[in-house]
Amino acid sequence: MPQPTQAFYNRHAVWFGVLTVVCFASLVFAHDVSAFQDKKVADDVVEDSFKDLWTDDAKQALIDARSQEKDLLLLFTGSDWCPPCKQLEEQVTGREDFQFEASLHFVLVKFDFPQDLPQTDDLKAQNKEMANRYGIEGYPTVVLVDVNSKPYAITGYQEGGPENYLGALEEFRQARIVRDQKLKEAENAEGAERAKLLDEAISGLDELIVSVYYEDIVAEIIELDKEDELGLRGKWNAQKESEMRKIVMTDILMISRLEKPEKAIQFIDDVMEELKFPPAERITLMQIKLNLVRKLNDNERLDELLDEMINLEGAETETRERLIVKKILLMVGSGRKAEALKLLNDSIVDGQDNMHLWKALGDIHESDGNFDEAIDAYDNAIQVASNAPDVLVEVVAAKADVLYEQEKMAEALQTLDNFADNTNMPTDLRSATLLHKAMMMRDSGRRRQARLAENRAVEIAESTLERGEIEKIVKRLRAKYDDQ
């Protein structure tokens, strides 16, 4: 509440000084009582004016909004039981500065759903009807609507106090202003130009609000851009098409299990021809197709399909690398190792990390017994895999195994320790590396050192669940090795 001003105190100081000459003791008391009463009256007046800025009368609020050319801010709250509602009231909506600034552009309407505070039956019915109209499912919820009661934004509790909240409300309001401007411009436009203007009108609005209250505009945009030449059909039809693709994907998985490979492959081809899938989903479909082709033992067809996947427009670099590795492994498995190595070396591109490719090259050299070449490839992979812990731990383990095969025990253990000591790595992977070290030491007959590594693997685990799983592994290791 506002404190009395300096002028207030000055007035009473003068009054107090004059009356002191007459009767000091009695009038000091009178002064104190008067000051308290004046302050209370002033505070009550201010407090009453704050409350007047909020109304709970929806019909009158709409009338006021139209006459004052303002939007409406609808606050749905549970004032006496909802913690975030109480926070919003204390930090934002109950404050004078917020109410003053917000009321410049909005008529403030509060729909309260208390548990204990009394309300009339009419008020309860109104609040329930408004909550149903705007699909309110949680509290606090703030809905911004125009003078036609059409929503254009929805929000709730936000940290940052009045200034932050007012900033967010202004952004929403500006989006509504753009909406109205673009819709007005669209009235005299046709075809592609109209589609663009309608898109600009609703693009700044909340996606949920658009899907419910602007379906007619979305439908018109899609109709005006039937062939998706402007990219607007795909943009606004994305959600519906996504749901359709999920259904189709389920059908494909079922058909791929129940039907013969050729029939399932044909179904996938038909679906991919009919529907437009984004690159990631398209690769998933092609992966299912790849598994079906593999059952036919047709290497030529496998190569063609993998080439198509590798060269798919929009595929991410890492995805492309993994696909190249998949093709190389299939080539190696079909006895085309020399051809696979050539493809692998040709695919390693300067300026890219080539993480998966270097690892694959190391694996092939290791399988051939070319240990020095394998270590070189693994070292290249380690240099670029610091941001991919799951890949890095595999490369570190592979390099350590190669060093162990070369009877370079100290280097192998140091390689594992370097990863285990890196606190930037996830603890579960560090623990796994220590268990790998323990197994290596047990194989060489160093049981005491192995136990120390196992104990450390348990100690660095972050969660109780993780620690329990590692303890189970350690118990099995000790049962296997210590009984020998």
Protein backbone atom coordinates (compact mmCIF):
# COMPACT_ATOMS: atom_id res chain seq x y z
CA MET A 1 0.00 0.00 0.00
CA PRO A 2 1.17 3.58 -0.67
CA GLN A 3 2.77 5.41 2.25
CA PRO A 4 1.72 9.00 3.25
CA THR A 5 3.56 11.66 1.30
CA GLN A 6 6.04 14.16 2.70
CA ALA A 7 3.43 16.89 2.30
CA PHE A 8 1.13 14.86 4.49
CA TYR A 9 3.73 14.79 7.27
CA ASN A 10 4.54 18.50 6.81
CA ARG A 11 0.89 19.50 7.25
CA HIS A 12 0.56 17.52 10.45
CA ALA A 13 3.90 18.74 11.74
CA VAL A 14 2.70 22.36 11.52
CA TRP A 15 -0.64 21.45 13.03
CA PHE A 16 1.10 19.58 15.80
CA GLY A 17 3.48 22.46 16.58
CA VAL A 18 0.70 25.04 16.92
CA LEU A 19 -1.49 22.91 19.15
CA THR A 20 1.40 21.88 21.38
CA VAL A 21 1.36 25.39 22.88
CA VAL A 22 -2.18 24.78 24.10
CA CYS A 23 -1.98 21.26 25.42
CA PHE A 24 1.04 19.12 24.67
CA ALA A 25 0.10 15.77 26.12
CA SER A 26 -3.52 15.48 25.07
CA LEU A 27 -3.04 16.79 21.56
CA VAL A 28 -0.03 14.53 20.84
CA PHE A 29 -2.46 11.67 21.32
CA ALA A 30 -5.05 13.43 19.15
CA HIS A 31 -2.45 13.90 16.43
CA ASP A 32 -1.51 10.25 16.42
CA VAL A 33 -5.12 9.13 16.19
CA SER A 34 -5.85 11.65 13.43
CA ALA A 35 -2.76 10.66 11.44
CA PHE A 36 -3.68 7.00 11.66
CA GLN A 37 -7.26 7.65 10.60
CA ASP A 38 -6.23 9.89 7.68
CA LYS A 39 -3.76 7.27 6.45
CA LYS A 40 -6.34 4.51 6.73
CA VAL A 41 -8.91 6.49 4.76
CA ALA A 42 -6.34 7.24 2.04
CA ASP A 43 -5.27 3.58 1.84
CA ASP A 44 -8.87 2.39 1.70
CA VAL A 45 -9.61 4.73 -1.17
CA VAL A 46 -6.57 3.49 -3.13
CA GLU A 47 -7.35 -0.15 -2.35
CA ASP A 48 -10.93 0.28 -3.52
CA SER A 49 -9.70 1.88 -6.75
CA PHE A 50 -7.43 -1.15 -7.39
CA LYS A 51 -10.34 -3.54 -7.05
CA ASP A 52 -12.42 -1.47 -9.45
CA LEU A 53 -9.92 -2.16 -12.24
CA TRP A 54 -10.98 -5.82 -12.21
CA THR A 55 -14.54 -6.80 -13.01
CA ASP A 56 -16.23 -10.16 -12.79
CA ASP A 57 -19.11 -9.15 -15.09
CA ALA A 58 -18.37 -10.62 -18.53
CA LYS A 59 -21.24 -8.90 -20.36
CA GLN A 60 -20.46 -5.44 -19.00
CA ALA A 61 -16.77 -5.96 -19.69
CA LEU A 62 -17.51 -6.61 -23.36
CA ILE A 63 -19.67 -3.49 -23.54
CA ASP A 64 -16.88 -1.45 -21.93
CA ALA A 65 -14.27 -2.90 -24.27
CA ARG A 66 -16.27 -1.93 -27.34
CA SER A 67 -17.01 1.56 -26.09
CA GLN A 68 -13.40 2.17 -25.04
CA GLU A 69 -11.89 0.36 -28.07
CA LYS A 70 -9.89 -1.99 -25.88
CA ASP A 71 -9.24 -5.72 -25.88
CA LEU A 72 -10.16 -7.96 -22.95
CA LEU A 73 -7.79 -9.72 -20.60
CA LEU A 74 -9.56 -12.73 -19.13
CA LEU A 75 -7.98 -14.17 -16.00
CA PHE A 76 -9.14 -17.63 -14.91
CA THR A 77 -7.91 -18.26 -11.39
CA GLY A 78 -8.39 -20.20 -8.18
CA SER A 79 -7.74 -17.42 -5.70
CA ASP A 80 -7.90 -19.32 -2.41
CA TRP A 81 -6.31 -22.68 -3.24
CA CYS A 82 -4.03 -22.47 -6.32
CA PRO A 83 -0.37 -21.65 -5.45
CA PRO A 84 0.65 -20.27 -8.88
CA CYS A 85 -2.59 -18.25 -8.94
CA LYS A 86 -1.65 -16.69 -5.62
CA GLN A 87 1.85 -15.98 -6.93
CA LEU A 88 0.47 -14.31 -10.04
CA GLU A 89 -1.86 -12.19 -7.89
CA GLU A 90 0.91 -11.17 -5.51
CA GLN A 91 3.62 -10.54 -8.08
CA VAL A 92 1.62 -9.19 -11.03
CA THR A 93 -2.15 -8.89 -11.27
CA GLY A 94 -2.72 -7.50 -7.77
CA ARG A 95 -0.19 -4.71 -8.15
CA GLU A 96 -1.12 -1.12 -8.88
CA ASP A 97 1.53 -0.59 -11.56
CA PHE A 98 0.41 -3.64 -13.51
CA GLN A 99 -3.28 -2.82 -13.30
CA PHE A 100 -2.75 0.78 -14.38
CA GLU A 101 -0.60 -0.09 -17.40
CA ALA A 102 -2.64 -3.13 -18.46
CA SER A 103 -5.92 -1.21 -18.25
CA LEU A 104 -4.68 1.25 -20.89
CA HIS A 105 -5.23 -1.42 -23.54
CA PHE A 106 -7.35 -4.09 -21.83
CA VAL A 107 -10.54 -4.38 -19.84
CA LEU A 108 -9.50 -6.65 -16.96
CA VAL A 109 -11.94 -9.49 -16.23
CA LYS A 110 -11.44 -12.05 -13.49
CA PHE A 111 -13.20 -15.43 -13.44
CA ASP A 112 -12.53 -16.94 -10.04
CA PHE A 113 -13.03 -20.60 -9.10
CA PRO A 114 -12.49 -20.60 -5.31
CA GLN A 115 -12.97 -23.53 -2.99
CA ASP A 116 -14.11 -21.66 0.10
CA LEU A 117 -14.99 -18.07 -0.88
CA PRO A 118 -18.74 -17.55 -1.35
CA GLN A 119 -20.13 -16.75 -4.81
CA THR A 120 -23.63 -16.26 -6.16
CA ASP A 121 -25.12 -18.98 -8.34
CA ASP A 122 -25.22 -16.58 -11.29
CA LEU A 123 -21.53 -15.80 -10.94
CA LYS A 124 -20.63 -19.48 -10.71
CA ALA A 125 -22.69 -20.23 -13.82
CA GLN A 126 -21.10 -17.36 -15.76
CA ASN A 127 -17.57 -18.40 -14.81
CA LYS A 128 -18.21 -22.02 -15.74
CA GLU A 129 -19.69 -21.02 -19.09
CA MET A 130 -16.68 -18.80 -19.87
CA ALA A 131 -14.21 -21.53 -18.87
CA ASN A 132 -15.99 -24.00 -21.17
CA ARG A 133 -16.08 -21.47 -24.01
CA TYR A 134 -12.31 -21.03 -23.96
CA GLY A 135 -11.38 -24.60 -23.03
CA ILE A 136 -9.75 -23.75 -19.71
CA GLU A 137 -8.13 -26.82 -18.15
CA GLY A 138 -5.74 -25.31 -15.60
CA TYR A 139 -5.17 -22.26 -13.45
CA PRO A 140 -4.04 -19.57 -13.72
CA THR A 141 -4.84 -19.10 -17.40
CA VAL A 142 -4.92 -15.72 -19.13
CA VAL A 143 -6.76 -15.42 -22.44
CA LEU A 144 -6.59 -12.26 -24.55
CA VAL A 145 -9.61 -11.64 -26.79
CA ASP A 146 -10.72 -8.85 -29.09
CA VAL A 147 -14.03 -6.97 -29.00
CA ASN A 148 -15.63 -9.81 -30.94
CA SER A 149 -14.61 -12.24 -28.17
CA LYS A 150 -12.15 -13.97 -30.53
CA PRO A 151 -9.01 -15.16 -28.71
CA TYR A 152 -5.59 -14.29 -30.04
CA ALA A 153 -3.28 -15.31 -27.18
CA ILE A 154 -3.15 -17.59 -24.17
CA THR A 155 -0.66 -17.60 -21.31
CA GLY A 156 -0.42 -18.25 -17.59
CA TYR A 157 1.96 -17.59 -14.73
CA GLN A 158 5.26 -16.03 -15.75
CA GLU A 159 8.18 -14.99 -13.58
CA GLY A 160 9.65 -11.52 -13.81
CA GLY A 161 7.00 -9.32 -12.21
CA PRO A 162 4.78 -6.67 -13.81
CA GLU A 163 7.33 -5.35 -16.29
CA ASN A 164 7.99 -8.75 -17.84
CA TYR A 165 4.29 -9.62 -17.93
CA LEU A 166 3.31 -6.32 -19.48
CA GLY A 167 5.98 -6.83 -22.14
CA ALA A 168 4.53 -10.23 -23.03
CA LEU A 169 1.00 -8.78 -23.20
CA GLU A 170 2.20 -6.04 -25.53
CA GLU A 171 3.82 -8.59 -27.86
CA PHE A 172 0.53 -10.50 -27.99
CA ARG A 173 -1.40 -7.27 -28.65
CA GLN A 174 0.93 -6.28 -31.47
CA ALA A 175 0.36 -9.71 -33.04
CA ARG A 176 -3.39 -8.98 -32.91
CA ILE A 177 -2.85 -5.59 -34.55
CA VAL A 178 -0.89 -7.26 -37.36
CA ARG A 179 -3.67 -9.86 -37.64
CA ASP A 180 -6.28 -7.17 -38.15
CA GLN A 181 -4.15 -5.19 -40.61
CA LYS A 182 -3.37 -8.22 -42.77
CA LEU A 183 -6.95 -9.48 -42.72
CA LYS A 184 -8.13 -6.06 -43.91
CA GLU A 185 -5.57 -6.07 -46.71
CA ALA A 186 -6.64 -9.59 -47.67
CA GLU A 187 -10.24 -8.45 -48.23
CA ASN A 188 -9.33 -7.04 -51.64
CA ALA A 189 -6.71 -9.66 -52.57
CA GLU A 190 -7.03 -12.90 -54.50
CA GLY A 191 -5.09 -16.10 -55.14
CA ALA A 192 -1.51 -16.35 -53.96
CA GLU A 193 -1.47 -12.78 -52.65
CA ARG A 194 -4.50 -13.44 -50.47
CA ALA A 195 -2.95 -16.68 -49.19
CA LYS A 196 0.21 -14.80 -48.20
CA LEU A 197 -1.73 -12.08 -46.38
CA LEU A 198 -3.88 -14.60 -44.51
CA ASP A 199 -0.73 -16.48 -43.52
CA GLU A 200 0.87 -13.28 -42.24
CA ALA A 201 -2.30 -12.49 -40.32
CA ILE A 202 -2.24 -15.63 -38.18
CA SER A 203 1.44 -16.59 -38.13
CA GLY A 204 2.11 -14.46 -35.04
CA LEU A 205 -0.66 -16.10 -33.02
CA ASP A 206 -0.43 -19.04 -30.65
CA GLU A 207 -0.54 -22.35 -32.56
CA LEU A 208 -3.16 -23.81 -30.21
CA ILE A 209 -5.37 -20.74 -30.58
CA VAL A 210 -5.08 -20.90 -34.38
CA SER A 211 -5.97 -24.60 -34.54
CA VAL A 212 -9.20 -24.01 -32.62
CA TYR A 213 -10.41 -20.51 -33.49
CA TYR A 214 -8.95 -19.85 -36.94
CA GLU A 215 -9.73 -23.10 -38.74
CA ASP A 216 -11.63 -21.26 -41.47
CA ILE A 217 -8.59 -19.12 -42.32
CA VAL A 218 -6.25 -22.13 -42.24
CA ALA A 219 -8.60 -24.05 -44.56
CA GLU A 220 -8.70 -21.14 -47.00
CA ILE A 221 -4.89 -20.84 -47.03
CA ILE A 222 -4.58 -24.55 -47.81
CA GLU A 223 -7.18 -24.27 -50.57
CA LEU A 224 -5.46 -21.24 -52.12
CA ASP A 225 -2.08 -23.05 -52.10
CA LYS A 226 -3.25 -26.52 -53.19
CA GLU A 227 0.04 -27.45 -54.83
CA ASP A 228 2.09 -26.06 -51.96
CA GLU A 229 3.91 -23.72 -54.35
CA LEU A 230 4.12 -21.11 -51.57
CA GLY A 231 4.92 -23.70 -48.90
CA LEU A 232 1.79 -22.65 -47.01
CA ARG A 233 -0.21 -25.84 -47.52
CA GLY A 234 2.60 -27.85 -45.94
CA LYS A 235 3.00 -25.31 -43.16
CA TRP A 236 -0.62 -25.22 -42.04
CA ASN A 237 -1.48 -28.80 -42.88
CA ALA A 238 1.56 -30.16 -41.06
CA GLN A 239 -0.24 -31.28 -37.92
CA LYS A 240 -2.98 -33.15 -39.77
CA GLU A 241 -0.48 -34.75 -42.12
CA SER A 242 1.74 -35.70 -39.19
CA GLU A 243 -1.13 -37.61 -37.59
CA MET A 244 -1.86 -39.31 -40.91
CA ARG A 245 1.78 -40.29 -41.33
CA LYS A 246 1.81 -41.85 -37.86
CA ILE A 247 -1.16 -44.01 -38.78
CA VAL A 248 0.46 -45.00 -42.07
CA MET A 249 3.72 -45.80 -40.30
CA THR A 250 1.86 -48.17 -37.96
CA ASP A 251 0.28 -49.88 -40.98
CA ILE A 252 3.67 -50.24 -42.64
CA LEU A 253 5.21 -51.85 -39.58
CA MET A 254 2.35 -54.34 -39.38
CA ILE A 255 2.43 -55.15 -43.10
CA SER A 256 6.22 -55.58 -43.04
CA ARG A 257 5.79 -58.26 -40.37
CA LEU A 258 2.78 -60.07 -41.82
CA GLU A 259 3.19 -59.86 -45.59
CA LYS A 260 5.86 -61.22 -47.89
CA PRO A 261 8.80 -58.85 -48.48
CA GLU A 262 7.92 -57.98 -52.09
CA LYS A 263 4.33 -57.07 -51.22
CA ALA A 264 5.41 -54.99 -48.20
CA ILE A 265 8.06 -53.21 -50.30
CA GLN A 266 5.46 -52.33 -52.92
CA PHE A 267 3.16 -50.93 -50.23
CA ILE A 268 5.97 -48.74 -48.87
CA ASP A 269 6.77 -47.47 -52.37
CA ASP A 270 3.11 -46.60 -52.96
CA VAL A 271 2.85 -44.74 -49.67
CA MET A 272 6.04 -42.76 -50.25
CA GLU A 273 4.77 -41.81 -53.69
CA GLU A 274 1.43 -40.63 -52.34
CA LEU A 275 2.45 -38.83 -49.14
CA LYS A 276 5.14 -36.23 -48.57
CA PHE A 277 7.41 -37.31 -45.70
CA PRO A 278 10.11 -35.14 -44.13
CA PRO A 279 13.67 -36.50 -44.58
CA ALA A 280 13.93 -38.12 -41.12
CA GLU A 281 10.64 -40.01 -41.52
CA ARG A 282 11.47 -40.90 -45.12
CA ILE A 283 14.73 -42.48 -43.99
CA THR A 284 12.85 -44.46 -41.33
CA LEU A 285 10.56 -45.86 -44.04
CA MET A 286 13.51 -46.66 -46.25
CA GLN A 287 15.19 -48.41 -43.32
CA ILE A 288 12.14 -50.69 -43.00
CA LYS A 289 12.33 -51.27 -46.74
CA LEU A 290 16.06 -52.00 -46.41
CA ASN A 291 15.41 -54.75 -43.88
CA LEU A 292 12.84 -56.28 -46.23
CA VAL A 293 15.24 -56.16 -49.20
CA ARG A 294 17.91 -57.80 -47.09
CA LYS A 295 15.62 -60.83 -46.67
CA LEU A 296 15.67 -61.22 -50.46
CA ASN A 297 19.49 -61.49 -50.47
CA ASP A 298 19.67 -59.01 -53.33
CA ASN A 299 22.95 -57.10 -52.87
CA GLU A 300 22.48 -54.98 -55.97
CA ARG A 301 19.11 -53.79 -54.72
CA LEU A 302 20.57 -53.15 -51.27
CA ASP A 303 23.30 -50.96 -52.76
CA GLU A 304 20.80 -48.99 -54.81
CA LEU A 305 18.53 -48.38 -51.82
CA LEU A 306 21.41 -47.34 -49.57
CA ASP A 307 22.71 -44.97 -52.25
CA GLU A 308 19.24 -43.43 -52.45
CA MET A 309 19.18 -43.00 -48.67
CA ILE A 310 22.70 -41.56 -48.55
CA ASN A 311 21.90 -39.01 -51.26
CA LEU A 312 18.48 -38.09 -49.88
CA GLU A 313 18.05 -34.32 -49.90
CA GLY A 314 17.70 -32.89 -46.40
CA ALA A 315 19.40 -35.80 -44.62
CA GLU A 316 21.68 -34.65 -41.80
CA THR A 317 25.43 -35.16 -42.09
CA GLU A 318 25.56 -37.61 -39.19
CA THR A 319 22.66 -39.60 -40.62
CA ARG A 320 24.43 -39.77 -43.98
CA GLU A 321 27.62 -40.97 -42.27
CA ARG A 322 25.74 -43.75 -40.47
CA LEU A 323 24.16 -44.85 -43.73
CA ILE A 324 27.55 -44.98 -45.46
CA VAL A 325 28.83 -47.13 -42.59
CA LYS A 326 25.80 -49.39 -42.95
CA LYS A 327 26.50 -49.83 -46.65
CA ILE A 328 30.17 -50.52 -45.98
CA LEU A 329 29.36 -53.20 -43.41
CA LEU A 330 26.94 -54.85 -45.83
CA MET A 331 29.62 -54.80 -48.50
CA VAL A 332 32.15 -56.35 -46.13
CA GLY A 333 29.61 -58.99 -45.12
CA SER A 334 29.04 -59.90 -48.77
CA GLY A 335 32.76 -60.36 -49.43
CA ARG A 336 33.46 -56.96 -51.01
CA LYS A 337 35.93 -55.68 -48.45
CA ALA A 338 38.33 -54.01 -50.89
CA GLU A 339 35.44 -52.16 -52.52
CA ALA A 340 34.12 -51.21 -49.07
CA LEU A 341 37.50 -49.78 -47.99
CA LYS A 342 37.69 -47.69 -51.16
CA LEU A 343 34.21 -46.29 -50.53
CA LEU A 344 35.11 -45.57 -46.92
CA ASN A 345 38.31 -43.70 -47.76
CA ASP A 346 36.56 -41.78 -50.55
CA SER A 347 33.78 -40.77 -48.12
CA ILE A 348 36.07 -39.21 -45.52
CA VAL A 349 35.81 -35.52 -46.36
CA ASP A 350 38.14 -32.78 -45.21
CA GLY A 351 36.40 -30.18 -43.04
CA GLN A 352 33.91 -32.67 -41.59
CA ASP A 353 34.36 -34.67 -38.39
CA ASN A 354 33.81 -38.07 -40.13
CA MET A 355 33.42 -39.57 -36.64
CA HIS A 356 31.46 -42.67 -37.67
CA LEU A 357 33.58 -43.19 -40.76
CA TRP A 358 36.85 -43.13 -38.80
CA LYS A 359 35.43 -45.64 -36.32
CA ALA A 360 34.28 -47.94 -39.13
CA LEU A 361 37.72 -47.74 -40.74
CA GLY A 362 39.33 -48.66 -37.42
CA ASP A 363 36.96 -51.61 -36.99
CA ILE A 364 37.81 -52.97 -40.45
CA HIS A 365 41.55 -52.64 -39.87
CA GLU A 366 41.19 -54.31 -36.47
CA SER A 367 39.30 -57.26 -37.97
CA ASP A 368 42.12 -57.64 -40.52
CA GLY A 369 44.78 -57.53 -37.80
CA ASN A 370 46.15 -54.21 -39.04
CA PHE A 371 46.45 -52.85 -35.51
CA ASP A 372 48.61 -49.77 -36.17
CA GLU A 373 46.21 -48.58 -38.91
CA ALA A 374 43.28 -49.30 -36.59
CA ILE A 375 44.76 -47.17 -33.80
CA ASP A 376 45.39 -44.30 -36.21
CA ALA A 377 41.77 -44.40 -37.32
CA TYR A 378 40.51 -44.61 -33.73
CA ASP A 379 42.69 -41.65 -32.73
CA ASN A 380 41.12 -39.58 -35.52
CA ALA A 381 37.67 -40.57 -34.28
CA ILE A 382 38.56 -39.68 -30.68
CA GLN A 383 39.66 -36.20 -31.72
CA VAL A 384 36.24 -35.35 -33.17
CA ALA A 385 33.91 -37.33 -30.87
CA SER A 386 34.19 -35.25 -27.68
CA ASN A 387 30.60 -34.01 -28.11
CA ALA A 388 29.25 -37.52 -28.72
CA PRO A 389 29.98 -39.48 -25.51
CA ASP A 390 28.11 -42.61 -26.66
CA VAL A 391 30.33 -42.87 -29.74
CA LEU A 392 33.48 -41.79 -27.94
CA VAL A 393 33.22 -44.51 -25.30
CA GLU A 394 32.95 -47.17 -28.03
CA VAL A 395 36.02 -45.81 -29.84
CA VAL A 396 38.02 -45.62 -26.59
CA ALA A 397 37.10 -49.21 -25.74
CA ALA A 398 38.02 -50.39 -29.26
CA LYS A 399 41.39 -48.64 -29.13
CA ALA A 400 42.13 -50.08 -25.69
CA ASP A 401 41.33 -53.59 -26.96
CA VAL A 402 43.69 -53.16 -29.91
CA LEU A 403 46.48 -51.97 -27.59
CA TYR A 404 45.81 -54.93 -25.34
CA GLU A 405 46.10 -57.28 -28.35
CA GLN A 406 49.47 -55.67 -29.07
CA GLU A 407 50.46 -56.41 -25.45
CA LYS A 408 50.66 -52.68 -24.70
CA MET A 409 48.91 -53.02 -21.36
CA ALA A 410 49.97 -49.71 -19.85
CA GLU A 411 48.78 -47.75 -22.90
CA ALA A 412 45.51 -49.65 -22.97
CA LEU A 413 44.79 -48.88 -19.31
CA GLN A 414 45.80 -45.25 -19.74
CA THR A 415 43.38 -44.91 -22.68
CA LEU A 416 40.54 -46.17 -20.49
CA ASP A 417 41.61 -44.01 -17.54
CA ASN A 418 41.64 -40.87 -19.68
CA PHE A 419 37.95 -41.36 -20.39
CA ALA A 420 37.05 -42.48 -16.85
CA ASP A 421 38.76 -39.41 -15.35
CA ASN A 422 36.93 -36.99 -17.66
CA THR A 423 34.22 -35.47 -15.47
CA ASN A 424 32.56 -33.94 -18.54
CA MET A 425 31.49 -37.42 -19.59
CA PRO A 426 28.29 -39.09 -18.26
CA THR A 427 28.96 -41.09 -15.12
CA ASP A 428 27.34 -44.26 -16.46
CA LEU A 429 29.80 -44.29 -19.38
CA ARG A 430 32.73 -43.56 -17.08
CA SER A 431 31.66 -46.46 -14.87
CA ALA A 432 31.37 -48.73 -17.91
CA THR A 433 34.92 -47.80 -18.91
CA LEU A 434 36.18 -48.66 -15.43
CA LEU A 435 34.44 -52.04 -15.63
CA HIS A 436 36.12 -52.58 -19.01
CA LYS A 437 39.43 -51.79 -17.33
CA ALA A 438 38.63 -54.22 -14.50
CA MET A 439 37.95 -57.06 -16.94
CA MET A 440 41.19 -56.35 -18.76
CA MET A 441 43.12 -56.45 -15.48
CA ARG A 442 41.43 -59.66 -14.37
CA ASP A 443 42.38 -61.27 -17.69
CA SER A 444 45.98 -60.40 -16.91
CA GLY A 445 45.74 -61.78 -13.36
CA ARG A 446 45.69 -58.42 -11.52
CA ARG A 447 42.69 -59.06 -9.31
CA ARG A 448 43.40 -56.50 -6.59
CA GLN A 449 43.75 -53.65 -9.08
CA ALA A 450 40.62 -54.91 -10.85
CA ARG A 451 38.66 -54.69 -7.59
CA LEU A 452 39.82 -51.12 -7.09
CA ALA A 453 38.56 -50.19 -10.56
CA GLU A 454 35.24 -51.93 -9.83
CA ASN A 455 34.88 -50.11 -6.52
CA ARG A 456 35.48 -46.79 -8.22
CA ALA A 457 32.91 -47.62 -10.89
CA VAL A 458 30.34 -48.01 -8.12
CA GLU A 459 31.47 -44.89 -6.25
CA ILE A 460 31.12 -42.44 -9.14
CA ALA A 461 27.58 -43.52 -9.99
CA GLU A 462 25.25 -40.55 -9.53
CA SER A 463 21.90 -42.17 -8.81
CA THR A 464 20.84 -44.99 -6.53
CA LEU A 465 19.41 -46.89 -9.50
CA GLU A 466 22.61 -46.52 -11.52
CA ARG A 467 24.71 -47.60 -8.54
CA GLY A 468 22.53 -50.65 -8.02
CA GLU A 469 22.91 -51.75 -11.64
CA ILE A 470 26.69 -51.38 -11.51
CA GLU A 471 26.86 -53.34 -8.26
CA LYS A 472 24.99 -56.20 -9.95
CA ILE A 473 27.51 -56.23 -12.80
CA VAL A 474 30.43 -56.17 -10.38
CA LYS A 475 28.92 -59.04 -8.42
CA ARG A 476 28.61 -61.14 -11.58
CA LEU A 477 32.18 -60.32 -12.63
CA ARG A 478 33.57 -61.32 -9.29
CA ALA A 479 31.53 -64.50 -9.25
CA LYS A 480 32.85 -65.40 -12.70
CA TYR A 481 36.52 -64.51 -12.27
CA ASP A 482 37.22 -65.01 -8.58
CA ASP A 483 35.92 -68.59 -8.60
CA GLN A 484 38.33 -69.59 -11.35
